[in-house]
Amino acid sequence: LKAKDILGLVDKTTSEIHNMNIGLTGTISIGLVEGTAPDIAAK
């Protein structure tokens, strides 16, 4: 579980550094609880 978290964080950091100076491009990671949240975020 911890290794998955660490490797995920490395990938996220690498992606952010790569995209810091090339404008608004890249991936936003957002957590959503169930219920109404997915519908809110979809909009």
PDB file of all heavy atoms in Angstrom:
ATOM      1  N   LEU A   1       0.828  -1.205   0.000  1.00  0.00           N
ATOM      2  CA  LEU A   1       0.000   0.000   0.000  1.00  0.00           C
ATOM      3  C   LEU A   1       0.860   1.252   0.000  1.00  0.00           C
ATOM      4  O   LEU A   1       0.596   2.213  -0.736  1.00  0.00           O
ATOM      5  CB  LEU A   1      -0.934   0.002   1.211  1.00  0.00           C
ATOM      6  CG  LEU A   1      -2.010  -1.092   1.235  1.00  0.00           C
ATOM      7  CD1 LEU A   1      -2.783  -1.038   2.547  1.00  0.00           C
ATOM      8  CD2 LEU A   1      -2.962  -0.937   0.056  1.00  0.00           C
ATOM      9  N   LYS A   2       1.911   1.254   0.840  1.00  0.00           N
ATOM     10  CA  LYS A   2       2.783   2.419   0.922  1.00  0.00           C
ATOM     11  C   LYS A   2       3.591   2.592  -0.360  1.00  0.00           C
ATOM     12  O   LYS A   2       3.823   3.716  -0.817  1.00  0.00           O
ATOM     13  CB  LYS A   2       3.718   2.297   2.128  1.00  0.00           C
ATOM     14  CG  LYS A   2       3.011   2.396   3.463  1.00  0.00           C
ATOM     15  CD  LYS A   2       2.317   3.750   3.603  1.00  0.00           C
ATOM     16  CE  LYS A   2       1.615   3.888   4.932  1.00  0.00           C
ATOM     17  NZ  LYS A   2       0.898   5.190   5.049  1.00  0.00           N
ATOM     18  N   ALA A   3       4.043   1.488  -0.954  1.00  0.00           N
ATOM     19  CA  ALA A   3       4.815   1.564  -2.185  1.00  0.00           C
ATOM     20  C   ALA A   3       3.973   2.147  -3.319  1.00  0.00           C
ATOM     21  O   ALA A   3       4.455   2.952  -4.121  1.00  0.00           O
ATOM     22  CB  ALA A   3       5.344   0.183  -2.569  1.00  0.00           C
ATOM     23  N   LYS A   4       2.690   1.753  -3.384  1.00  0.00           N
ATOM     24  CA  LYS A   4       1.797   2.309  -4.400  1.00  0.00           C
ATOM     25  C   LYS A   4       1.647   3.818  -4.208  1.00  0.00           C
ATOM     26  O   LYS A   4       1.644   4.587  -5.187  1.00  0.00           O
ATOM     27  CB  LYS A   4       0.428   1.635  -4.324  1.00  0.00           C
ATOM     28  CG  LYS A   4       0.421   0.171  -4.752  1.00  0.00           C
ATOM     29  CD  LYS A   4       0.403   0.027  -6.257  1.00  0.00           C
ATOM     30  CE  LYS A   4      -0.951   0.313  -6.833  1.00  0.00           C
ATOM     31  NZ  LYS A   4      -1.023   0.025  -8.288  1.00  0.00           N
ATOM     32  N   ASP A   5       1.512   4.234  -2.951  1.00  0.00           N
ATOM     33  CA  ASP A   5       1.397   5.665  -2.662  1.00  0.00           C
ATOM     34  C   ASP A   5       2.666   6.410  -3.074  1.00  0.00           C
ATOM     35  O   ASP A   5       2.613   7.476  -3.690  1.00  0.00           O
ATOM     36  CB  ASP A   5       1.134   5.892  -1.171  1.00  0.00           C
ATOM     37  CG  ASP A   5      -0.295   5.553  -0.769  1.00  0.00           C
ATOM     38  OD1 ASP A   5      -1.119   5.338  -1.673  1.00  0.00           O
ATOM     39  OD2 ASP A   5      -0.570   5.502   0.437  1.00  0.00           O
ATOM     40  N   ILE A   6       3.818   5.854  -2.721  1.00  0.00           N
ATOM     41  CA  ILE A   6       5.100   6.502  -3.025  1.00  0.00           C
ATOM     42  C   ILE A   6       5.301   6.622  -4.529  1.00  0.00           C
ATOM     43  O   ILE A   6       5.659   7.688  -5.045  1.00  0.00           O
ATOM     44  CB  ILE A   6       6.263   5.714  -2.388  1.00  0.00           C
ATOM     45  CG1 ILE A   6       6.212   5.847  -0.862  1.00  0.00           C
ATOM     46  CG2 ILE A   6       7.616   6.207  -2.919  1.00  0.00           C
ATOM     47  CD1 ILE A   6       7.128   4.875  -0.137  1.00  0.00           C
ATOM     48  N   LEU A   7       5.073   5.545  -5.264  1.00  0.00           N
ATOM     49  CA  LEU A   7       5.261   5.566  -6.715  1.00  0.00           C
ATOM     50  C   LEU A   7       4.256   6.503  -7.384  1.00  0.00           C
ATOM     51  O   LEU A   7       4.591   7.197  -8.347  1.00  0.00           O
ATOM     52  CB  LEU A   7       5.136   4.150  -7.282  1.00  0.00           C
ATOM     53  CG  LEU A   7       6.237   3.172  -6.849  1.00  0.00           C
ATOM     54  CD1 LEU A   7       5.923   1.759  -7.315  1.00  0.00           C
ATOM     55  CD2 LEU A   7       7.596   3.612  -7.382  1.00  0.00           C
ATOM     56  N   GLY A   8       3.037   6.550  -6.840  1.00  0.00           N
ATOM     57  CA  GLY A   8       2.042   7.477  -7.376  1.00  0.00           C
ATOM     58  C   GLY A   8       2.446   8.922  -7.163  1.00  0.00           C
ATOM     59  O   GLY A   8       2.273   9.778  -8.034  1.00  0.00           O
ATOM     60  N   LEU A   9       3.010   9.204  -5.985  1.00  0.00           N
ATOM     61  CA  LEU A   9       3.461  10.554  -5.677  1.00  0.00           C
ATOM     62  C   LEU A   9       4.635  10.957  -6.566  1.00  0.00           C
ATOM     63  O   LEU A   9       4.732  12.106  -7.020  1.00  0.00           O
ATOM     64  CB  LEU A   9       3.861  10.647  -4.193  1.00  0.00           C
ATOM     65  CG  LEU A   9       4.296  12.022  -3.674  1.00  0.00           C
ATOM     66  CD1 LEU A   9       3.220  13.059  -3.926  1.00  0.00           C
ATOM     67  CD2 LEU A   9       4.629  11.940  -2.191  1.00  0.00           C
ATOM     68  N   VAL A  10       5.534  10.013  -6.839  1.00  0.00           N
ATOM     69  CA  VAL A  10       6.661  10.290  -7.733  1.00  0.00           C
ATOM     70  C   VAL A  10       6.160  10.641  -9.133  1.00  0.00           C
ATOM     71  O   VAL A  10       6.611  11.608  -9.750  1.00  0.00           O
ATOM     72  CB  VAL A  10       7.620   9.083  -7.794  1.00  0.00           C
ATOM     73  CG1 VAL A  10       8.645   9.251  -8.920  1.00  0.00           C
ATOM     74  CG2 VAL A  10       8.338   8.912  -6.460  1.00  0.00           C
ATOM     75  N   ASP A  11       5.200   9.862  -9.636  1.00  0.00           N
ATOM     76  CA  ASP A  11       4.648  10.131 -10.968  1.00  0.00           C
ATOM     77  C   ASP A  11       3.969  11.503 -11.006  1.00  0.00           C
ATOM     78  O   ASP A  11       4.121  12.255 -11.977  1.00  0.00           O
ATOM     79  CB  ASP A  11       3.636   9.052 -11.352  1.00  0.00           C
ATOM     80  CG  ASP A  11       4.289   7.717 -11.660  1.00  0.00           C
ATOM     81  OD1 ASP A  11       5.516   7.701 -11.904  1.00  0.00           O
ATOM     82  OD2 ASP A  11       3.584   6.695 -11.647  1.00  0.00           O
ATOM     83  N   LYS A  12       3.220  11.823  -9.951  1.00  0.00           N
ATOM     84  CA  LYS A  12       2.516  13.100  -9.886  1.00  0.00           C
ATOM     85  C   LYS A  12       3.509  14.256  -9.857  1.00  0.00           C
ATOM     86  O   LYS A  12       3.347  15.259 -10.565  1.00  0.00           O
ATOM     87  CB  LYS A  12       1.629  13.135  -8.642  1.00  0.00           C
ATOM     88  CG  LYS A  12       0.824  14.430  -8.455  1.00  0.00           C
ATOM     89  CD  LYS A  12      -0.106  14.283  -7.267  1.00  0.00           C
ATOM     90  CE  LYS A  12      -0.969  15.530  -7.076  1.00  0.00           C
ATOM     91  NZ  LYS A  12      -0.180  16.670  -6.572  1.00  0.00           N
ATOM     92  N   THR A  13       4.564  14.134  -9.057  1.00  0.00           N
ATOM     93  CA  THR A  13       5.558  15.189  -8.941  1.00  0.00           C
ATOM     94  C   THR A  13       6.302  15.388 -10.257  1.00  0.00           C
ATOM     95  O   THR A  13       6.535  16.516 -10.695  1.00  0.00           O
ATOM     96  CB  THR A  13       6.556  14.854  -7.821  1.00  0.00           C
ATOM     97  OG1 THR A  13       5.843  14.663  -6.595  1.00  0.00           O
ATOM     98  CG2 THR A  13       7.566  15.976  -7.641  1.00  0.00           C
ATOM     99  N   THR A  14       6.674  14.282 -10.883  1.00  0.00           N
ATOM    100  CA  THR A  14       7.380  14.351 -12.169  1.00  0.00           C
ATOM    101  C   THR A  14       6.537  15.067 -13.210  1.00  0.00           C
ATOM    102  O   THR A  14       7.022  15.927 -13.949  1.00  0.00           O
ATOM    103  CB  THR A  14       7.722  12.934 -12.664  1.00  0.00           C
ATOM    104  OG1 THR A  14       8.529  12.274 -11.684  1.00  0.00           O
ATOM    105  CG2 THR A  14       8.483  12.990 -13.978  1.00  0.00           C
ATOM    106  N   SER A  15       5.255  14.729 -13.247  1.00  0.00           N
ATOM    107  CA  SER A  15       4.348  15.351 -14.211  1.00  0.00           C
ATOM    108  C   SER A  15       4.203  16.841 -13.952  1.00  0.00           C
ATOM    109  O   SER A  15       4.204  17.657 -14.886  1.00  0.00           O
ATOM    110  CB  SER A  15       2.980  14.664 -14.148  1.00  0.00           C
ATOM    111  OG  SER A  15       2.057  15.295 -14.999  1.00  0.00           O
ATOM    112  N   GLU A  16       4.089  17.226 -12.676  1.00  0.00           N
ATOM    113  CA  GLU A  16       3.925  18.637 -12.344  1.00  0.00           C
ATOM    114  C   GLU A  16       5.172  19.441 -12.700  1.00  0.00           C
ATOM    115  O   GLU A  16       5.070  20.554 -13.235  1.00  0.00           O
ATOM    116  CB  GLU A  16       3.593  18.786 -10.859  1.00  0.00           C
ATOM    117  CG  GLU A  16       2.186  18.332 -10.508  1.00  0.00           C
ATOM    118  CD  GLU A  16       1.868  18.507  -9.039  1.00  0.00           C
ATOM    119  OE1 GLU A  16       2.789  18.880  -8.277  1.00  0.00           O
ATOM    120  OE2 GLU A  16       0.707  18.286  -8.661  1.00  0.00           O
ATOM    121  N   ILE A  17       6.351  18.909 -12.404  1.00  0.00           N
ATOM    122  CA  ILE A  17       7.591  19.612 -12.741  1.00  0.00           C
ATOM    123  C   ILE A  17       7.719  19.772 -14.251  1.00  0.00           C
ATOM    124  O   ILE A  17       8.103  20.833 -14.757  1.00  0.00           O
ATOM    125  CB  ILE A  17       8.808  18.857 -12.168  1.00  0.00           C
ATOM    126  CG1 ILE A  17       8.797  18.947 -10.634  1.00  0.00           C
ATOM    127  CG2 ILE A  17      10.112  19.412 -12.729  1.00  0.00           C
ATOM    128  CD1 ILE A  17       9.862  18.116  -9.966  1.00  0.00           C
ATOM    129  N   HIS A  18       7.355  18.729 -14.975  1.00  0.00           N
ATOM    130  CA  HIS A  18       7.435  18.761 -16.437  1.00  0.00           C
ATOM    131  C   HIS A  18       6.534  19.841 -17.017  1.00  0.00           C
ATOM    132  O   HIS A  18       6.873  20.468 -18.035  1.00  0.00           O
ATOM    133  CB  HIS A  18       7.037  17.391 -17.002  1.00  0.00           C
ATOM    134  CG  HIS A  18       7.041  17.324 -18.496  1.00  0.00           C
ATOM    135  ND1 HIS A  18       8.206  17.321 -19.236  1.00  0.00           N
ATOM    136  CD2 HIS A  18       6.020  17.281 -19.391  1.00  0.00           C
ATOM    137  CE1 HIS A  18       7.912  17.275 -20.525  1.00  0.00           C
ATOM    138  NE2 HIS A  18       6.587  17.245 -20.646  1.00  0.00           N
ATOM    139  N   ASN A  19       5.402  20.095 -16.366  1.00  0.00           N
ATOM    140  CA  ASN A  19       4.417  21.014 -16.930  1.00  0.00           C
ATOM    141  C   ASN A  19       4.420  22.409 -16.303  1.00  0.00           C
ATOM    142  O   ASN A  19       3.608  23.258 -16.680  1.00  0.00           O
ATOM    143  CB  ASN A  19       3.008  20.416 -16.780  1.00  0.00           C
ATOM    144  CG  ASN A  19       2.795  19.218 -17.665  1.00  0.00           C
ATOM    145  OD1 ASN A  19       2.923  19.294 -18.871  1.00  0.00           O
ATOM    146  ND2 ASN A  19       2.466  18.084 -17.057  1.00  0.00           N
ATOM    147  N   MET A  20       5.340  22.658 -15.367  1.00  0.00           N
ATOM    148  CA  MET A  20       5.312  23.923 -14.627  1.00  0.00           C
ATOM    149  C   MET A  20       5.438  25.148 -15.532  1.00  0.00           C
ATOM    150  O   MET A  20       4.800  26.168 -15.314  1.00  0.00           O
ATOM    151  CB  MET A  20       6.416  23.949 -13.563  1.00  0.00           C
ATOM    152  CG  MET A  20       6.043  23.206 -12.296  1.00  0.00           C
ATOM    153  SD  MET A  20       7.351  23.207 -11.074  1.00  0.00           S
ATOM    154  CE  MET A  20       7.376  24.918 -10.578  1.00  0.00           C
ATOM    155  N   ASN A  21       6.276  25.042 -16.553  1.00  0.00           N
ATOM    156  CA  ASN A  21       6.584  26.215 -17.362  1.00  0.00           C
ATOM    157  C   ASN A  21       6.053  26.151 -18.784  1.00  0.00           C
ATOM    158  O   ASN A  21       6.525  26.889 -19.651  1.00  0.00           O
ATOM    159  CB  ASN A  21       8.102  26.425 -17.382  1.00  0.00           C
ATOM    160  CG  ASN A  21       8.652  26.714 -16.002  1.00  0.00           C
ATOM    161  OD1 ASN A  21       8.108  27.539 -15.281  1.00  0.00           O
ATOM    162  ND2 ASN A  21       9.718  26.026 -15.627  1.00  0.00           N
ATOM    163  N   ILE A  22       5.075  25.279 -19.029  1.00  0.00           N
ATOM    164  CA  ILE A  22       4.575  25.182 -20.405  1.00  0.00           C
ATOM    165  C   ILE A  22       3.084  25.500 -20.479  1.00  0.00           C
ATOM    166  O   ILE A  22       2.384  25.046 -21.360  1.00  0.00           O
ATOM    167  CB  ILE A  22       4.869  23.787 -21.000  1.00  0.00           C
ATOM    168  CG1 ILE A  22       4.212  22.683 -20.163  1.00  0.00           C
ATOM    169  CG2 ILE A  22       6.344  23.546 -21.150  1.00  0.00           C
ATOM    170  CD1 ILE A  22       4.360  21.305 -20.790  1.00  0.00           C
ATOM    171  N   GLY A  23       2.600  26.329 -19.535  1.00  0.00           N
ATOM    172  CA  GLY A  23       1.216  26.774 -19.616  1.00  0.00           C
ATOM    173  C   GLY A  23       0.247  25.819 -18.961  1.00  0.00           C
ATOM    174  O   GLY A  23       0.632  24.872 -18.268  1.00  0.00           O
ATOM    175  N   LEU A  24      -1.029  26.084 -19.167  1.00  0.00           N
ATOM    176  CA  LEU A  24      -2.065  25.297 -18.526  1.00  0.00           C
ATOM    177  C   LEU A  24      -2.304  23.998 -19.276  1.00  0.00           C
ATOM    178  O   LEU A  24      -3.178  23.884 -20.140  1.00  0.00           O
ATOM    179  CB  LEU A  24      -3.355  26.097 -18.424  1.00  0.00           C
ATOM    180  CG  LEU A  24      -3.360  27.173 -17.329  1.00  0.00           C
ATOM    181  CD1 LEU A  24      -4.692  27.884 -17.291  1.00  0.00           C
ATOM    182  CD2 LEU A  24      -3.036  26.583 -15.971  1.00  0.00           C
ATOM    183  N   THR A  25      -1.482  23.046 -18.958  1.00  0.00           N
ATOM    184  CA  THR A  25      -1.621  21.706 -19.500  1.00  0.00           C
ATOM    185  C   THR A  25      -1.229  20.729 -18.413  1.00  0.00           C
ATOM    186  O   THR A  25      -0.445  21.075 -17.523  1.00  0.00           O
ATOM    187  CB  THR A  25      -0.744  21.511 -20.757  1.00  0.00           C
ATOM    188  OG1 THR A  25      -0.949  20.199 -21.281  1.00  0.00           O
ATOM    189  CG2 THR A  25       0.726  21.694 -20.432  1.00  0.00           C
ATOM    190  N   GLY A  26      -1.765  19.544 -18.444  1.00  0.00           N
ATOM    191  CA  GLY A  26      -1.439  18.559 -17.426  1.00  0.00           C
ATOM    192  C   GLY A  26      -2.682  17.913 -16.851  1.00  0.00           C
ATOM    193  O   GLY A  26      -3.765  17.994 -17.437  1.00  0.00           O
ATOM    194  N   THR A  27      -2.525  17.289 -15.694  1.00  0.00           N
ATOM    195  CA  THR A  27      -3.615  16.519 -15.088  1.00  0.00           C
ATOM    196  C   THR A  27      -3.905  17.024 -13.684  1.00  0.00           C
ATOM    197  O   THR A  27      -2.991  17.238 -12.893  1.00  0.00           O
ATOM    198  CB  THR A  27      -3.248  15.030 -15.031  1.00  0.00           C
ATOM    199  OG1 THR A  27      -3.016  14.546 -16.352  1.00  0.00           O
ATOM    200  CG2 THR A  27      -4.376  14.222 -14.393  1.00  0.00           C
ATOM    201  N   ILE A  28      -5.183  17.217 -13.393  1.00  0.00           N
ATOM    202  CA  ILE A  28      -5.639  17.563 -12.055  1.00  0.00           C
ATOM    203  C   ILE A  28      -6.205  16.296 -11.411  1.00  0.00           C
ATOM    204  O   ILE A  28      -7.132  15.687 -11.950  1.00  0.00           O
ATOM    205  CB  ILE A  28      -6.727  18.650 -12.096  1.00  0.00           C
ATOM    206  CG1 ILE A  28      -6.143  19.964 -12.615  1.00  0.00           C
ATOM    207  CG2 ILE A  28      -7.345  18.853 -10.712  1.00  0.00           C
ATOM    208  CD1 ILE A  28      -7.186  21.061 -12.814  1.00  0.00           C
ATOM    209  N   SER A  29      -5.645  15.911 -10.281  1.00  0.00           N
ATOM    210  CA  SER A  29      -6.165  14.763  -9.531  1.00  0.00           C
ATOM    211  C   SER A  29      -7.103  15.280  -8.446  1.00  0.00           C
ATOM    212  O   SER A  29      -6.713  16.109  -7.629  1.00  0.00           O
ATOM    213  CB  SER A  29      -5.022  13.964  -8.901  1.00  0.00           C
ATOM    214  OG  SER A  29      -4.225  13.359  -9.890  1.00  0.00           O
ATOM    215  N   ILE A  30      -8.328  14.796  -8.462  1.00  0.00           N
ATOM    216  CA  ILE A  30      -9.323  15.256  -7.495  1.00  0.00           C
ATOM    217  C   ILE A  30     -10.029  14.058  -6.878  1.00  0.00           C
ATOM    218  O   ILE A  30     -10.406  13.118  -7.577  1.00  0.00           O
ATOM    219  CB  ILE A  30     -10.334  16.218  -8.163  1.00  0.00           C
ATOM    220  CG1 ILE A  30     -11.351  16.745  -7.144  1.00  0.00           C
ATOM    221  CG2 ILE A  30     -11.013  15.579  -9.368  1.00  0.00           C
ATOM    222  CD1 ILE A  30     -12.215  17.878  -7.671  1.00  0.00           C
ATOM    223  N   GLY A  31     -10.180  14.084  -5.571  1.00  0.00           N
ATOM    224  CA  GLY A  31     -10.874  13.018  -4.864  1.00  0.00           C
ATOM    225  C   GLY A  31     -12.350  13.354  -4.704  1.00  0.00           C
ATOM    226  O   GLY A  31     -12.701  14.510  -4.431  1.00  0.00           O
ATOM    227  N   LEU A  32     -13.207  12.351  -4.858  1.00  0.00           N
ATOM    228  CA  LEU A  32     -14.648  12.560  -4.742  1.00  0.00           C
ATOM    229  C   LEU A  32     -15.276  11.495  -3.857  1.00  0.00           C
ATOM    230  O   LEU A  32     -15.052  10.298  -4.067  1.00  0.00           O
ATOM    231  CB  LEU A  32     -15.320  12.507  -6.122  1.00  0.00           C
ATOM    232  CG  LEU A  32     -14.866  13.509  -7.185  1.00  0.00           C
ATOM    233  CD1 LEU A  32     -15.589  13.226  -8.497  1.00  0.00           C
ATOM    234  CD2 LEU A  32     -15.118  14.938  -6.735  1.00  0.00           C
ATOM    235  N   VAL A  33     -16.054  11.939  -2.879  1.00  0.00           N
ATOM    236  CA  VAL A  33     -16.879  10.990  -2.143  1.00  0.00           C
ATOM    237  C   VAL A  33     -18.072  10.634  -3.014  1.00  0.00           C
ATOM    238  O   VAL A  33     -18.390  11.333  -3.981  1.00  0.00           O
ATOM    239  CB  VAL A  33     -17.372  11.562  -0.800  1.00  0.00           C
ATOM    240  CG1 VAL A  33     -16.231  11.817   0.145  1.00  0.00           C
ATOM    241  CG2 VAL A  33     -18.189  12.832  -1.029  1.00  0.00           C
ATOM    242  N   GLU A  34     -18.742   9.543  -2.652  1.00  0.00           N
ATOM    243  CA  GLU A  34     -19.929   9.168  -3.404  1.00  0.00           C
ATOM    244  C   GLU A  34     -21.106  10.049  -2.984  1.00  0.00           C
ATOM    245  O   GLU A  34     -20.980  10.911  -2.132  1.00  0.00           O
ATOM    246  CB  GLU A  34     -20.235   7.691  -3.182  1.00  0.00           C
ATOM    247  CG  GLU A  34     -19.180   6.787  -3.803  1.00  0.00           C
ATOM    248  CD  GLU A  34     -19.474   5.315  -3.586  1.00  0.00           C
ATOM    249  OE1 GLU A  34     -19.731   4.934  -2.431  1.00  0.00           O
ATOM    250  OE2 GLU A  34     -19.433   4.553  -4.555  1.00  0.00           O
ATOM    251  N   GLY A  35     -22.241   9.834  -3.611  1.00  0.00           N
ATOM    252  CA  GLY A  35     -23.397  10.676  -3.335  1.00  0.00           C
ATOM    253  C   GLY A  35     -23.495  11.752  -4.398  1.00  0.00           C
ATOM    254  O   GLY A  35     -23.392  11.492  -5.601  1.00  0.00           O
ATOM    255  N   THR A  36     -23.641  13.004  -3.980  1.00  0.00           N
ATOM    256  CA  THR A  36     -23.812  14.123  -4.896  1.00  0.00           C
ATOM    257  C   THR A  36     -22.495  14.616  -5.488  1.00  0.00           C
ATOM    258  O   THR A  36     -22.487  15.271  -6.530  1.00  0.00           O
ATOM    259  CB  THR A  36     -24.525  15.280  -4.164  1.00  0.00           C
ATOM    260  OG1 THR A  36     -25.814  14.819  -3.734  1.00  0.00           O
ATOM    261  CG2 THR A  36     -24.734  16.484  -5.048  1.00  0.00           C
ATOM    262  N   ALA A  37     -21.383  14.323  -4.838  1.00  0.00           N
ATOM    263  CA  ALA A  37     -20.079  14.877  -5.257  1.00  0.00           C
ATOM    264  C   ALA A  37     -19.742  14.636  -6.725  1.00  0.00           C
ATOM    265  O   ALA A  37     -19.300  15.563  -7.413  1.00  0.00           O
ATOM    266  CB  ALA A  37     -18.975  14.343  -4.351  1.00  0.00           C
ATOM    267  N   PRO A  38     -19.898  13.415  -7.266  1.00  0.00           N
ATOM    268  CA  PRO A  38     -19.578  13.227  -8.690  1.00  0.00           C
ATOM    269  C   PRO A  38     -20.398  14.112  -9.620  1.00  0.00           C
ATOM    270  O   PRO A  38     -19.882  14.605 -10.627  1.00  0.00           O
ATOM    271  CB  PRO A  38     -19.883  11.742  -8.914  1.00  0.00           C
ATOM    272  CG  PRO A  38     -19.716  11.107  -7.575  1.00  0.00           C
ATOM    273  CD  PRO A  38     -20.236  12.133  -6.619  1.00  0.00           C
ATOM    274  N   ASP A  39     -21.668  14.316  -9.293  1.00  0.00           N
ATOM    275  CA  ASP A  39     -22.514  15.165 -10.124  1.00  0.00           C
ATOM    276  C   ASP A  39     -22.058  16.618 -10.047  1.00  0.00           C
ATOM    277  O   ASP A  39     -22.018  17.332 -11.067  1.00  0.00           O
ATOM    278  CB  ASP A  39     -23.973  15.049  -9.683  1.00  0.00           C
ATOM    279  CG  ASP A  39     -24.917  15.823 -10.589  1.00  0.00           C
ATOM    280  OD1 ASP A  39     -24.906  15.550 -11.805  1.00  0.00           O
ATOM    281  OD2 ASP A  39     -25.635  16.697 -10.092  1.00  0.00           O
ATOM    282  N   ILE A  40     -21.679  17.062  -8.852  1.00  0.00           N
ATOM    283  CA  ILE A  40     -21.177  18.432  -8.674  1.00  0.00           C
ATOM    284  C   ILE A  40     -19.903  18.625  -9.496  1.00  0.00           C
ATOM    285  O   ILE A  40     -19.769  19.591 -10.254  1.00  0.00           O
ATOM    286  CB  ILE A  40     -20.891  18.714  -7.186  1.00  0.00           C
ATOM    287  CG1 ILE A  40     -22.195  18.707  -6.367  1.00  0.00           C
ATOM    288  CG2 ILE A  40     -20.159  20.041  -7.011  1.00  0.00           C
ATOM    289  CD1 ILE A  40     -21.980  18.731  -4.870  1.00  0.00           C
ATOM    290  N   ALA A  41     -18.967  17.687  -9.351  1.00  0.00           N
ATOM    291  CA  ALA A  41     -17.677  17.805 -10.033  1.00  0.00           C
ATOM    292  C   ALA A  41     -17.819  17.674 -11.545  1.00  0.00           C
ATOM    293  O   ALA A  41     -17.068  18.298 -12.303  1.00  0.00           O
ATOM    294  CB  ALA A  41     -16.713  16.751  -9.505  1.00  0.00           C
ATOM    295  N   ALA A  42     -18.782  16.871 -12.007  1.00  0.00           N
ATOM    296  CA  ALA A  42     -18.977  16.687 -13.449  1.00  0.00           C
ATOM    297  C   ALA A  42     -19.293  18.017 -14.123  1.00  0.00           C
ATOM    298  O   ALA A  42     -18.803  18.296 -15.232  1.00  0.00           O
ATOM    299  CB  ALA A  42     -20.080  15.674 -13.701  1.00  0.00           C
ATOM    300  N   LYS A  43     -20.087  18.832 -13.477  1.00  0.00           N
ATOM    301  CA  LYS A  43     -20.440  20.145 -14.042  1.00  0.00           C
ATOM    302  C   LYS A  43     -19.204  21.040 -14.108  1.00  0.00           C
ATOM    303  O   LYS A  43     -18.990  21.751 -15.095  1.00  0.00           O
ATOM    304  CB  LYS A  43     -21.529  20.792 -13.196  1.00  0.00           C
ATOM    305  CG  LYS A  43     -22.846  20.017 -13.201  1.00  0.00           C
ATOM    306  CD  LYS A  43     -23.847  20.607 -12.230  1.00  0.00           C
ATOM    307  CE  LYS A  43     -25.119  19.775 -12.182  1.00  0.00           C
ATOM    308  NZ  LYS A  43     -26.083  20.273 -11.166  1.00  0.00           N
TER     309      LYS A  43
END
